[in-house]
N, C-alpha and C. Protein backbone atom coordinates (compact mmCIF):
# COMPACT_ATOMS: atom_id res chain seq x y z
N ARG A 1 69.01 128.46 112.50
CA ARG A 1 69.07 129.91 112.59
C ARG A 1 69.00 129.91 114.93
N LYS A 2 67.82 129.46 115.35
CA LYS A 2 67.72 129.67 116.89
C LYS A 2 69.33 128.28 116.58
N TRP A 3 69.42 126.92 116.62
CA TRP A 3 70.23 125.93 116.97
C TRP A 3 71.52 127.27 116.75
N CYS A 4 72.21 127.78 115.78
CA CYS A 4 73.48 128.44 115.57
C CYS A 4 73.47 129.25 116.65
N ASP A 5 72.71 130.45 116.77
CA ASP A 5 72.67 131.25 117.65
C ASP A 5 72.94 130.87 118.84
N ARG A 6 71.78 129.53 119.61
CA ARG A 6 72.60 128.77 121.05
C ARG A 6 74.16 127.92 120.88
N THR A 7 74.79 127.33 119.75
CA THR A 7 75.45 127.03 120.21
C THR A 7 77.01 127.72 119.13
N GLY A 8 76.61 129.27 118.75
CA GLY A 8 77.65 130.14 118.74
C GLY A 8 78.35 129.86 117.36
N THR A 9 77.58 129.43 116.65
CA THR A 9 77.27 128.71 115.16
C THR A 9 77.34 129.62 113.46
N LEU A 10 78.26 130.48 112.94
CA LEU A 10 77.52 130.77 112.15
C LEU A 10 76.49 130.32 111.14
N LEU A 11 75.67 131.11 110.53
CA LEU A 11 74.61 130.37 109.24
C LEU A 11 74.83 130.94 108.18
N ILE A 12 75.55 129.99 107.57
CA ILE A 12 76.25 130.51 105.43
C ILE A 12 75.32 129.99 105.20
N VAL A 13 74.77 130.59 104.05
CA VAL A 13 73.81 130.51 102.73
C VAL A 13 74.17 130.40 101.79
N ASP A 14 74.16 129.16 101.06
CA ASP A 14 74.17 129.13 99.47
C ASP A 14 73.33 129.57 98.71
N GLU A 15 73.59 130.69 98.27
CA GLU A 15 71.92 131.30 97.11
C GLU A 15 72.84 130.76 95.85
N VAL A 16 73.61 130.69 95.26
CA VAL A 16 74.11 130.42 93.76
C VAL A 16 73.16 130.39 92.79
N MET A 17 72.56 129.55 93.71
CA MET A 17 71.35 128.64 91.84
C MET A 17 69.69 129.65 92.56
N THR A 18 69.89 130.03 94.02
CA THR A 18 68.32 130.63 94.34
C THR A 18 68.44 131.98 94.10
N GLY A 19 69.59 132.31 94.15
CA GLY A 19 68.99 133.98 94.14
C GLY A 19 68.79 134.64 93.19
N PHE A 20 69.02 136.18 93.30
CA PHE A 20 68.55 137.15 92.22
C PHE A 20 67.63 136.80 91.26
N GLY A 21 65.64 136.06 92.32
CA GLY A 21 64.76 136.04 91.65
C GLY A 21 64.15 134.87 91.50
N ARG A 22 65.23 133.64 91.35
CA ARG A 22 65.20 132.43 91.56
C ARG A 22 63.72 131.67 91.56
N THR A 23 63.73 131.93 92.86
CA THR A 23 62.12 131.21 94.09
C THR A 23 61.02 132.11 93.81
N GLY A 24 61.18 133.71 93.34
CA GLY A 24 60.28 134.40 93.23
C GLY A 24 60.16 135.53 94.16
N ARG A 25 61.28 135.45 95.05
CA ARG A 25 61.79 136.81 95.89
C ARG A 25 63.55 136.57 95.41
N MET A 26 63.74 137.78 96.05
CA MET A 26 64.94 138.11 95.37
C MET A 26 65.84 137.24 95.78
N PHE A 27 65.71 136.71 96.90
CA PHE A 27 66.53 135.66 98.10
C PHE A 27 65.81 134.45 98.20
N ALA A 28 66.16 133.42 98.38
CA ALA A 28 65.02 132.14 98.45
C ALA A 28 65.02 132.24 100.16
N ILE A 29 65.91 132.73 101.43
CA ILE A 29 66.45 132.70 102.65
C ILE A 29 65.16 133.32 103.29
N GLU A 30 64.37 134.49 101.87
CA GLU A 30 63.10 135.17 102.58
C GLU A 30 62.36 135.01 103.14
N HIS A 31 61.82 133.44 102.02
CA HIS A 31 61.01 132.82 101.80
C HIS A 31 60.42 132.08 103.17
N GLU A 32 62.18 131.55 104.05
CA GLU A 32 62.30 131.28 105.73
C GLU A 32 61.74 132.14 106.57
N GLY A 33 62.06 133.60 106.17
CA GLY A 33 62.03 135.28 107.70
C GLY A 33 63.51 134.65 108.07
N VAL A 34 64.19 134.71 107.72
CA VAL A 34 65.73 134.18 107.88
C VAL A 34 66.94 134.72 108.02
N LYS A 35 67.91 135.66 109.20
CA LYS A 35 69.03 136.38 108.11
C LYS A 35 69.82 135.19 108.52
N PRO A 36 70.74 135.20 107.57
CA PRO A 36 72.06 134.48 107.56
C PRO A 36 73.10 135.51 108.15
N ASP A 37 74.13 134.55 109.04
CA ASP A 37 75.56 135.11 108.66
C ASP A 37 76.43 135.92 107.75
N MET A 38 76.23 134.69 107.02
CA MET A 38 77.26 134.61 105.62
C MET A 38 75.80 134.38 104.36
N MET A 39 76.32 135.16 102.95
CA MET A 39 75.54 134.98 102.05
C MET A 39 76.03 134.84 100.97
N VAL A 40 76.41 133.25 99.75
CA VAL A 40 77.16 133.02 99.23
C VAL A 40 76.35 133.39 98.03
N LEU A 41 76.55 133.99 96.80
CA LEU A 41 76.16 134.67 95.71
C LEU A 41 76.98 134.35 94.67
N GLY A 42 76.06 133.96 93.26
CA GLY A 42 76.32 134.29 91.92
C GLY A 42 75.25 133.54 90.84
N LYS A 43 76.13 133.32 89.53
CA LYS A 43 75.16 133.10 88.87
C LYS A 43 74.62 134.56 88.19
N GLY A 44 73.21 134.45 88.72
CA GLY A 44 72.40 136.01 88.51
C GLY A 44 72.73 136.72 88.77
N LEU A 45 73.55 136.90 89.46
CA LEU A 45 73.70 138.57 89.94
C LEU A 45 74.85 139.36 89.30
N SER A 46 74.71 138.63 87.57
CA SER A 46 75.70 139.23 86.64
C SER A 46 74.70 138.87 85.60
N GLY A 47 73.68 138.79 85.57
CA GLY A 47 72.66 138.05 84.81
C GLY A 47 73.32 137.28 84.04
N GLY A 48 73.72 136.59 84.14
CA GLY A 48 74.93 135.15 83.25
C GLY A 48 75.20 135.60 82.35
N TYR A 49 75.96 136.97 81.86
CA TYR A 49 77.01 137.33 80.36
C TYR A 49 78.48 137.08 81.38
N LEU A 50 78.69 137.62 82.43
CA LEU A 50 79.88 137.10 83.21
C LEU A 50 80.46 136.36 84.18
N PRO A 51 80.90 135.49 84.63
CA PRO A 51 81.24 134.64 86.03
C PRO A 51 81.48 136.13 86.72
N LEU A 52 81.13 136.16 88.07
CA LEU A 52 81.01 136.88 89.09
C LEU A 52 80.51 136.33 90.70
N ALA A 53 80.86 135.85 91.84
CA ALA A 53 80.59 135.64 92.13
C ALA A 53 80.92 136.19 93.89
N ILE A 54 80.20 137.04 94.96
CA ILE A 54 79.98 137.22 95.86
C ILE A 54 79.86 136.74 97.29
N THR A 55 80.65 136.97 98.74
CA THR A 55 79.91 137.02 99.90
C THR A 55 79.49 138.57 100.57
N LEU A 56 78.49 137.95 100.99
CA LEU A 56 78.08 138.94 101.95
C LEU A 56 78.14 138.25 103.36
N ILE A 57 78.53 139.15 104.28
CA ILE A 57 78.51 138.79 105.76
C ILE A 57 77.32 140.10 106.70
N THR A 58 77.36 139.66 107.90
CA THR A 58 77.06 140.84 108.55
C THR A 58 77.89 141.80 109.01
N GLU A 59 77.13 142.94 109.52
CA GLU A 59 78.54 144.48 109.97
C GLU A 59 79.47 143.20 111.55
N LYS A 60 78.57 142.22 112.11
CA LYS A 60 79.73 141.81 113.36
C LYS A 60 80.38 140.80 112.96
N ILE A 61 80.60 140.49 111.58
CA ILE A 61 81.59 139.40 111.43
C ILE A 61 82.57 140.60 110.46
N PHE A 62 82.28 141.49 109.80
CA PHE A 62 82.63 141.92 109.09
C PHE A 62 84.55 142.78 110.40
N VAL A 63 83.68 143.22 111.19
CA VAL A 63 84.51 143.82 112.73
C VAL A 63 85.69 143.36 112.47
N ALA A 64 85.85 141.70 112.11
CA ALA A 64 86.81 141.25 112.85
C ALA A 64 88.35 141.47 111.64
N PHE A 65 87.45 141.93 110.59
CA PHE A 65 88.56 142.23 109.40
C PHE A 65 88.97 143.71 108.90
N ASP A 66 88.19 144.41 110.46
CA ASP A 66 88.16 146.09 110.13
C ASP A 66 89.49 146.40 110.32
N GLY A 67 90.86 146.03 110.15
CA GLY A 67 92.34 146.69 110.24
C GLY A 67 93.14 146.59 109.41
N SER A 68 94.27 146.76 109.58
CA SER A 68 94.87 146.87 109.09
C SER A 68 95.45 145.54 108.26
N ILE A 69 96.69 145.09 107.99
CA ILE A 69 97.09 144.12 107.25
C ILE A 69 97.55 143.81 108.27
N ALA A 70 98.92 144.31 108.69
CA ALA A 70 100.27 144.43 110.00
C ALA A 70 99.60 144.11 111.03
N GLU A 71 97.90 144.59 111.26
CA GLU A 71 97.46 143.50 112.12
C GLU A 71 96.91 142.31 112.26
N GLY A 72 97.10 142.11 111.39
CA GLY A 72 96.04 140.34 110.55
C GLY A 72 95.06 140.77 110.38
N LYS A 73 93.91 141.75 109.89
CA LYS A 73 92.96 141.72 110.01
C LYS A 73 92.57 141.90 108.74
N GLY A 74 93.15 142.82 107.92
CA GLY A 74 92.72 143.38 106.34
C GLY A 74 92.82 142.54 105.54
N LEU A 75 92.16 142.12 105.08
CA LEU A 75 92.12 141.00 104.12
C LEU A 75 92.61 142.18 102.15
N ALA A 76 93.63 141.50 102.23
CA ALA A 76 94.44 142.28 100.99
C ALA A 76 93.08 141.79 99.22
N TYR A 77 93.41 142.93 98.77
CA TYR A 77 92.94 142.28 97.44
C TYR A 77 93.96 142.19 96.50
N GLY A 78 94.57 140.61 95.91
CA GLY A 78 95.79 140.77 94.99
C GLY A 78 95.99 139.90 94.60
N HIS A 79 94.28 138.75 94.35
CA HIS A 79 94.25 137.49 93.79
C HIS A 79 93.68 137.87 92.20
N SER A 80 93.98 136.80 91.49
CA SER A 80 94.95 137.07 90.06
C SER A 80 92.57 138.13 89.90
N TYR A 81 91.67 137.17 90.03
CA TYR A 81 90.67 138.07 89.83
C TYR A 81 89.71 138.78 90.19
N THR A 82 90.01 139.10 91.29
CA THR A 82 89.51 139.56 92.47
C THR A 82 89.39 140.76 93.00
N GLY A 83 87.49 141.29 92.65
CA GLY A 83 87.06 143.01 91.88
C GLY A 83 87.32 142.80 91.29
N ASN A 84 86.97 141.99 90.06
CA ASN A 84 87.13 142.29 88.30
C ASN A 84 86.39 143.18 87.80
N ALA A 85 86.72 144.35 87.60
CA ALA A 85 86.03 145.20 87.08
C ALA A 85 85.08 144.86 86.22
N LEU A 86 85.29 144.32 85.02
CA LEU A 86 83.93 144.43 83.55
C LEU A 86 82.94 142.98 84.61
N GLY A 87 83.33 142.46 85.33
CA GLY A 87 82.05 141.34 85.77
C GLY A 87 81.38 142.56 86.96
N CYS A 88 82.12 143.22 87.70
CA CYS A 88 81.15 143.76 88.90
C CYS A 88 80.58 145.40 87.88
N ALA A 89 80.93 145.53 86.15
CA ALA A 89 79.94 146.85 85.97
C ALA A 89 78.67 146.17 85.40
N ALA A 90 79.00 144.41 84.97
CA ALA A 90 77.84 143.57 83.97
C ALA A 90 77.00 143.66 86.12
N ALA A 91 77.53 142.89 87.22
CA ALA A 91 76.14 142.64 87.51
C ALA A 91 75.45 144.30 88.84
N LYS A 92 76.32 145.49 88.13
CA LYS A 92 75.68 147.22 88.79
C LYS A 92 74.76 147.04 87.85
N ALA A 93 74.38 146.14 86.62
CA ALA A 93 73.80 146.89 85.58
C ALA A 93 72.73 145.77 85.76
N SER A 94 72.99 144.46 85.56
CA SER A 94 71.84 143.56 86.11
C SER A 94 70.86 143.71 87.40
N LEU A 95 71.23 144.63 88.36
CA LEU A 95 71.12 145.14 89.79
C LEU A 95 70.40 146.03 89.47
N GLU A 96 70.22 146.57 88.12
CA GLU A 96 70.02 148.28 88.05
C GLU A 96 67.92 147.67 87.36
N VAL A 97 69.18 146.50 86.41
CA VAL A 97 67.76 145.86 85.62
C VAL A 97 66.43 146.03 87.27
N PHE A 98 66.76 144.79 87.98
CA PHE A 98 66.16 144.63 88.52
C PHE A 98 65.42 144.98 89.36
N GLU A 99 65.68 146.48 89.43
CA GLU A 99 65.15 147.74 89.83
C GLU A 99 64.49 148.20 89.18
N ASN A 100 65.06 148.85 87.70
CA ASN A 100 64.19 149.59 87.04
C ASN A 100 62.76 149.10 86.04
N GLU A 101 63.25 147.54 86.07
CA GLU A 101 61.87 147.39 85.07
C GLU A 101 60.96 146.34 86.03
N ARG A 102 61.53 146.03 87.70
CA ARG A 102 60.50 145.73 88.36
C ARG A 102 60.63 144.18 87.88
N VAL A 103 61.99 143.48 87.79
CA VAL A 103 61.92 142.17 87.54
C VAL A 103 61.08 141.29 88.53
N LEU A 104 61.20 141.64 89.76
CA LEU A 104 60.16 140.67 90.10
C LEU A 104 58.65 140.93 90.42
N GLU A 105 58.59 142.03 90.33
CA GLU A 105 56.88 141.68 90.31
C GLU A 105 56.50 141.07 88.38
N ALA A 106 56.93 141.54 87.88
CA ALA A 106 56.72 140.85 87.08
C ALA A 106 56.73 139.57 86.62
N LEU A 107 57.28 138.85 87.53
CA LEU A 107 58.13 137.91 87.88
C LEU A 107 56.59 136.55 87.97
N GLN A 108 55.80 137.07 89.21
CA GLN A 108 55.08 136.37 90.06
C GLN A 108 53.97 135.90 89.30
N PRO A 109 53.21 136.84 88.65
CA PRO A 109 52.34 135.89 87.04
C PRO A 109 53.17 135.08 86.46
N LYS A 110 54.18 134.84 85.74
CA LYS A 110 54.75 133.98 85.04
C LYS A 110 54.92 132.75 86.09
N ILE A 111 55.17 132.74 87.24
CA ILE A 111 55.13 131.61 87.96
C ILE A 111 54.22 130.97 88.20
N GLN A 112 53.17 131.74 88.18
CA GLN A 112 51.27 130.98 87.85
C GLN A 112 51.53 130.44 86.84
N TYR A 113 51.25 130.80 85.91
CA TYR A 113 51.25 130.69 84.22
C TYR A 113 52.24 129.47 84.41
N LEU A 114 53.32 129.24 85.07
CA LEU A 114 54.29 127.77 84.99
C LEU A 114 53.32 127.00 85.47
N LYS A 115 53.29 127.27 86.93
CA LYS A 115 52.35 126.06 88.00
C LYS A 115 51.47 125.81 86.90
N VAL A 116 50.48 125.94 86.65
CA VAL A 116 49.56 125.17 85.94
C VAL A 116 49.47 125.23 84.64
N ALA A 117 50.80 125.28 83.85
CA ALA A 117 51.03 124.73 82.53
C ALA A 117 52.35 123.35 82.88
N LEU A 118 52.64 123.35 84.23
CA LEU A 118 53.00 122.04 84.75
C LEU A 118 52.20 121.32 85.55
N ALA A 119 50.98 121.71 85.90
CA ALA A 119 50.27 120.81 86.08
C ALA A 119 49.57 119.39 85.79
N GLY A 120 49.68 119.69 84.46
CA GLY A 120 49.31 118.64 83.40
C GLY A 120 50.25 117.47 82.84
N LEU A 121 51.76 117.54 83.38
CA LEU A 121 52.31 117.02 83.23
C LEU A 121 52.02 115.60 84.35
N GLY A 122 52.16 116.31 85.22
CA GLY A 122 52.04 115.28 86.23
C GLY A 122 50.92 114.28 86.19
N ASP A 123 50.43 113.52 84.91
CA ASP A 123 48.81 112.19 84.68
C ASP A 123 49.63 111.96 83.29
N LEU A 124 50.84 112.51 83.07
CA LEU A 124 51.35 111.06 81.74
C LEU A 124 52.10 110.23 83.13
N PRO A 125 52.00 109.27 81.68
CA PRO A 125 52.65 107.90 82.13
C PRO A 125 54.04 107.89 82.58
N GLY A 126 54.25 107.05 83.95
CA GLY A 126 56.12 107.47 84.29
C GLY A 126 56.41 108.21 84.56
N VAL A 127 55.31 109.66 85.00
CA VAL A 127 55.90 111.03 85.43
C VAL A 127 55.61 110.66 87.44
N VAL A 128 56.49 110.85 88.10
CA VAL A 128 55.94 110.39 89.37
C VAL A 128 55.70 111.75 90.19
N GLU A 129 56.05 112.75 89.67
CA GLU A 129 55.71 113.66 90.60
C GLU A 129 56.35 115.27 89.83
N VAL A 130 55.59 115.93 89.57
CA VAL A 130 56.16 117.55 89.41
C VAL A 130 56.55 118.76 90.21
N ARG A 131 57.64 118.93 90.84
CA ARG A 131 57.21 119.77 91.86
C ARG A 131 57.92 120.95 91.32
N GLN A 132 57.48 122.37 92.44
CA GLN A 132 58.06 123.61 91.61
C GLN A 132 58.15 124.32 93.09
N CYS A 133 59.43 125.47 92.48
CA CYS A 133 59.79 126.35 93.66
C CYS A 133 60.02 128.02 92.75
N GLY A 134 58.87 128.66 92.43
CA GLY A 134 59.30 129.56 91.85
C GLY A 134 59.39 128.89 90.30
N PHE A 135 60.46 129.80 89.43
CA PHE A 135 61.31 129.57 88.51
C PHE A 135 61.92 128.22 88.36
N ILE A 136 61.79 127.51 89.04
CA ILE A 136 63.06 126.56 89.70
C ILE A 136 61.93 125.10 89.66
N ALA A 137 61.96 123.72 88.53
CA ALA A 137 60.95 122.68 88.65
C ALA A 137 61.46 121.58 88.01
N GLY A 138 60.96 120.48 88.75
CA GLY A 138 61.49 119.31 88.59
C GLY A 138 60.25 118.28 87.90
N MET A 139 60.77 117.46 87.26
CA MET A 139 59.95 116.87 86.87
C MET A 139 60.70 115.07 87.37
N GLU A 140 60.33 114.42 88.24
CA GLU A 140 60.90 113.06 88.69
C GLU A 140 59.84 111.78 87.91
N LEU A 141 60.89 111.02 86.84
CA LEU A 141 60.42 110.48 85.96
C LEU A 141 60.75 108.89 86.68
N ASP A 142 60.23 107.78 86.39
CA ASP A 142 60.06 106.38 87.01
C ASP A 142 60.88 105.86 86.58
N GLU A 143 62.38 105.64 86.78
CA GLU A 143 63.43 104.73 86.38
C GLU A 143 63.64 103.51 86.82
N SER A 144 62.11 102.86 87.50
CA SER A 144 62.55 101.90 89.18
C SER A 144 62.76 100.43 87.62
N LYS A 145 63.11 99.47 87.46
CA LYS A 145 63.34 97.87 87.25
C LYS A 145 61.93 97.62 86.78
N GLU A 146 61.11 97.59 88.25
CA GLU A 146 59.31 96.71 87.79
C GLU A 146 58.97 97.99 87.30
N THR A 147 58.65 98.93 86.82
CA THR A 147 57.88 99.71 86.64
C THR A 147 58.33 100.83 85.25
N GLY A 148 59.75 100.91 85.39
CA GLY A 148 59.97 102.39 85.08
C GLY A 148 60.49 102.13 83.91
N LEU A 149 61.54 103.06 83.20
CA LEU A 149 61.90 103.17 82.17
C LEU A 149 63.72 103.45 82.49
N PRO A 150 64.96 102.96 82.12
CA PRO A 150 66.22 103.24 82.12
C PRO A 150 66.48 104.17 81.66
N SER A 151 67.24 105.24 82.40
CA SER A 151 67.77 106.50 81.60
C SER A 151 66.43 107.19 80.93
N PHE A 152 65.68 106.81 82.00
CA PHE A 152 63.77 108.03 81.19
C PHE A 152 64.57 109.13 81.59
N ALA A 153 65.22 109.80 82.04
CA ALA A 153 64.96 111.42 82.38
C ALA A 153 66.24 112.06 81.27
N ALA A 154 67.55 111.38 81.02
CA ALA A 154 68.44 111.99 80.24
C ALA A 154 67.92 112.00 78.54
N ASN A 155 67.15 111.23 78.49
CA ASN A 155 66.48 110.36 77.06
C ASN A 155 65.30 111.64 76.85
N VAL A 156 64.31 111.78 77.69
CA VAL A 156 63.56 113.43 77.51
C VAL A 156 63.83 114.28 76.95
N CYS A 157 65.46 114.97 78.27
CA CYS A 157 66.19 116.00 77.16
C CYS A 157 66.94 116.07 76.15
N VAL A 158 67.21 114.93 75.92
CA VAL A 158 67.86 114.43 73.99
C VAL A 158 66.29 114.58 74.06
N GLN A 159 65.59 114.17 73.19
CA GLN A 159 64.47 114.00 72.53
C GLN A 159 63.81 115.54 72.82
N ALA A 160 63.98 116.15 73.54
CA ALA A 160 63.33 118.32 74.37
C ALA A 160 63.83 118.71 72.58
N ARG A 161 65.90 118.01 72.28
CA ARG A 161 66.37 119.06 72.02
C ARG A 161 65.32 119.78 70.65
N SER A 162 64.82 117.95 70.01
CA SER A 162 64.47 118.31 67.98
C SER A 162 63.01 119.08 69.19
N HIS A 163 63.00 119.75 69.81
CA HIS A 163 61.93 120.58 69.96
C HIS A 163 62.15 121.98 70.57
N GLY A 164 63.77 122.36 70.43
CA GLY A 164 64.48 123.50 70.54
C GLY A 164 64.48 123.90 72.20
N LEU A 165 64.32 122.82 73.08
CA LEU A 165 64.38 122.84 74.03
C LEU A 165 65.89 122.82 74.41
N LEU A 166 66.26 122.91 75.76
CA LEU A 166 67.51 122.81 76.08
C LEU A 166 67.33 122.51 77.61
N THR A 167 67.83 121.86 77.92
CA THR A 167 67.28 121.49 79.06
C THR A 167 68.28 120.46 80.60
N ARG A 168 68.56 119.47 81.19
CA ARG A 168 69.23 118.60 81.63
C ARG A 168 68.58 117.56 83.02
N PRO A 169 69.08 116.58 82.56
CA PRO A 169 68.73 115.06 84.71
C PRO A 169 69.55 116.11 85.47
N ILE A 170 69.21 115.47 86.35
CA ILE A 170 69.57 115.55 87.58
C ILE A 170 69.37 113.78 88.29
N ARG A 171 70.25 113.12 87.63
CA ARG A 171 69.85 111.49 87.79
C ARG A 171 68.04 111.38 87.42
N ASN A 172 67.57 111.17 88.00
CA ASN A 172 65.69 110.73 87.88
C ASN A 172 64.83 111.64 87.32
N VAL A 173 65.19 113.00 87.28
CA VAL A 173 64.57 114.26 87.75
C VAL A 173 65.42 115.32 86.26
N VAL A 174 63.63 115.58 85.28
CA VAL A 174 64.36 117.11 84.36
C VAL A 174 64.06 118.05 85.24
N VAL A 175 65.48 118.95 84.87
CA VAL A 175 65.02 120.21 85.58
C VAL A 175 64.56 121.02 84.20
N LEU A 176 64.18 122.45 84.59
CA LEU A 176 63.97 122.91 84.33
C LEU A 176 63.85 124.22 84.74
N MET A 177 64.94 125.24 84.25
CA MET A 177 65.17 127.02 85.36
C MET A 177 64.35 127.65 83.86
N PRO A 178 63.87 128.30 83.44
CA PRO A 178 63.43 129.10 82.52
C PRO A 178 64.54 130.17 82.51
N PRO A 179 65.30 131.42 81.92
CA PRO A 179 65.45 132.47 82.01
C PRO A 179 63.76 133.65 82.54
N LEU A 180 64.51 134.92 83.36
CA LEU A 180 63.77 135.10 84.31
C LEU A 180 62.39 135.97 83.01
N CYS A 181 63.27 136.10 81.74
CA CYS A 181 62.74 137.12 80.90
C CYS A 181 61.89 136.76 79.53
N ILE A 182 62.05 135.14 79.88
CA ILE A 182 60.84 134.51 79.52
C ILE A 182 59.37 134.79 79.43
N THR A 183 59.08 135.15 77.95
CA THR A 183 57.43 135.45 77.75
C THR A 183 56.55 133.75 78.00
N ASN A 184 54.90 134.09 78.11
CA ASN A 184 54.75 133.46 78.62
C ASN A 184 54.14 132.35 76.79
N ALA A 185 53.87 132.98 76.28
CA ALA A 185 54.03 131.65 75.16
C ALA A 185 55.42 131.46 74.80
N GLN A 186 56.46 131.30 75.19
CA GLN A 186 57.82 130.82 75.22
C GLN A 186 57.80 129.63 76.28
N LEU A 187 57.25 129.86 77.34
CA LEU A 187 56.66 128.96 79.19
C LEU A 187 55.81 127.87 77.80
N THR A 188 54.56 128.09 77.11
CA THR A 188 53.20 127.10 76.65
C THR A 188 54.28 126.06 75.62
N HIS A 189 55.32 126.77 74.66
CA HIS A 189 56.14 125.69 73.87
C HIS A 189 56.83 125.11 74.44
N THR A 190 57.51 125.16 76.41
CA THR A 190 58.86 124.67 76.77
C THR A 190 58.21 123.04 77.36
N VAL A 191 56.65 123.65 78.14
CA VAL A 191 56.17 122.57 78.61
C VAL A 191 55.70 122.07 77.63
N GLU A 192 55.08 121.83 76.60
CA GLU A 192 54.57 121.59 75.92
C GLU A 192 56.09 120.29 75.09
N ALA A 193 56.21 120.83 74.78
CA ALA A 193 58.16 120.61 74.40
C ALA A 193 58.72 118.49 75.36
N LEU A 194 58.31 119.53 76.85
CA LEU A 194 57.98 118.27 77.67
C LEU A 194 57.38 117.38 77.62
N ARG A 195 55.96 117.88 77.37
CA ARG A 195 54.87 116.70 77.38
C ARG A 195 55.11 115.75 76.43
N ALA A 196 55.86 116.80 75.21
CA ALA A 196 55.47 115.77 74.34
C ALA A 196 56.93 114.61 73.98
N SER A 197 58.28 115.35 75.12
CA SER A 197 58.96 114.51 74.82
C SER A 197 58.75 113.41 75.60
N ILE A 198 58.09 113.23 77.12
CA ILE A 198 58.13 112.27 77.56
C ILE A 198 57.09 110.88 77.10
N ILE A 199 55.93 111.63 76.48
CA ILE A 199 55.11 110.42 75.51
C ILE A 199 56.10 110.17 74.83
N ALA A 200 56.75 110.64 74.22
CA ALA A 200 57.76 110.23 72.99
C ALA A 200 58.62 108.88 73.38
N VAL A 201 59.24 109.41 74.43
CA VAL A 201 60.56 108.42 75.17
C VAL A 201 59.46 107.03 75.43
N TRP A 202 58.18 107.67 76.07
CA TRP A 202 57.86 106.30 77.25
C TRP A 202 56.98 105.75 76.23
N SER A 203 56.96 105.87 74.82
CA SER A 203 56.15 105.38 74.27
C SER A 203 56.62 103.84 73.12
N ARG A 204 58.53 104.47 73.48
CA ARG A 204 59.47 103.20 72.65
C ARG A 204 59.35 102.48 74.00
N ARG A 205 59.44 102.82 74.98
CA ARG A 205 59.10 101.68 76.49
C ARG A 205 58.21 100.94 76.01
N ALA A 206 56.49 101.26 76.08
CA ALA A 206 55.32 100.25 75.64
C ALA A 206 55.69 99.73 74.62
N ALA A 207 56.56 100.02 73.53
CA ALA A 207 56.66 99.26 72.22
C ALA A 207 57.46 98.03 72.56
N LYS A 208 58.82 98.97 72.84
CA LYS A 208 59.51 97.50 73.27
C LYS A 208 58.90 96.12 73.72
N ASN A 209 58.37 96.84 74.78
CA ASN A 209 57.36 95.46 76.30
C ASN A 209 57.05 95.29 74.52
N THR A 210 56.03 95.35 73.86
CA THR A 210 55.38 94.48 72.83
C THR A 210 55.95 93.78 72.29
N ASN A 211 56.97 93.96 71.71
CA ASN A 211 58.13 93.44 71.06
C ASN A 211 58.26 92.01 72.05
N VAL A 212 58.54 92.43 73.10
CA VAL A 212 59.20 91.45 74.20
C VAL A 212 58.26 90.32 74.45
N GLU A 213 57.01 90.55 74.28
CA GLU A 213 55.73 89.87 74.65
C GLU A 213 55.67 89.07 73.16
N LYS A 214 55.65 89.63 72.14
CA LYS A 214 55.29 88.56 71.04
C LYS A 214 56.60 87.90 71.18
N VAL A 215 57.90 87.93 71.29
CA VAL A 215 59.11 87.16 71.21
C VAL A 215 59.10 85.87 72.07
N THR A 216 58.29 86.77 73.25
CA THR A 216 58.09 85.38 73.97
C THR A 216 57.05 84.54 73.91
N ALA A 217 55.96 84.92 73.42
CA ALA A 217 54.93 84.28 73.13
C ALA A 217 55.29 83.57 71.92
C-alpha cells in the first residue's frame, strides 16, 4: 500500500477465490488492514449458484467515470451479460444469508475444528507440510525422485473419491476448500478420507519398493 501510494500506482486486490468468508474474514485483505483501490470479486458472491463477478472501486476512481458517454467518461451497459438480473438476484440473496445467519461468526469454530483435525495429517509418511488459512487448506506431499512418489497428490485425490470426497491437486499439493455450511461431522469425515487416501497411496509405494528389492536380490 505504501509503495503504491508513493509511486501513484493503483492497488488491485484479487479476491475471487478468497472473498466472502473463505479465509475467516469477509475479505482476505482485512487480515492485512489495508484498503485497496480496486477489488475483484466472484465465486462466493452468488453462493456458487450462478456465475457472477464484480469490480469494486474507490470514490476517487469512480469520479473519473462520473460523466456522460459523450464526454468520454460514462461506462455504457451494453455487453451481453453485464448486470445479469438473475445473477444479481442470487448475489443479493447470498449476501442476505451472510448477514441474517451470521455466517462469519459461525465459521470461526469450524476453522479451529478443521485446524485441529488437520494437525494429525502432518505426521503421515510422505506429507511434507499442512497449511491452512481459514477454510483454505493444502497438504504438500513428497513427489521428489529420491524419497517421494510421482503423482502422489493426484493419486490421493483419485483415492479420496472412493470415500466420497471430491478435491483436486495443484502440482504436489492436495487442495481442500470445504463449503462454509459444512458440519463438524462432515469435516471429520473429510479429514479421515484424506488420511486414509494418503496412507493407501503411500502403502502402494512401499509395496512396490519391496517387490523391487526382492527382484534385485
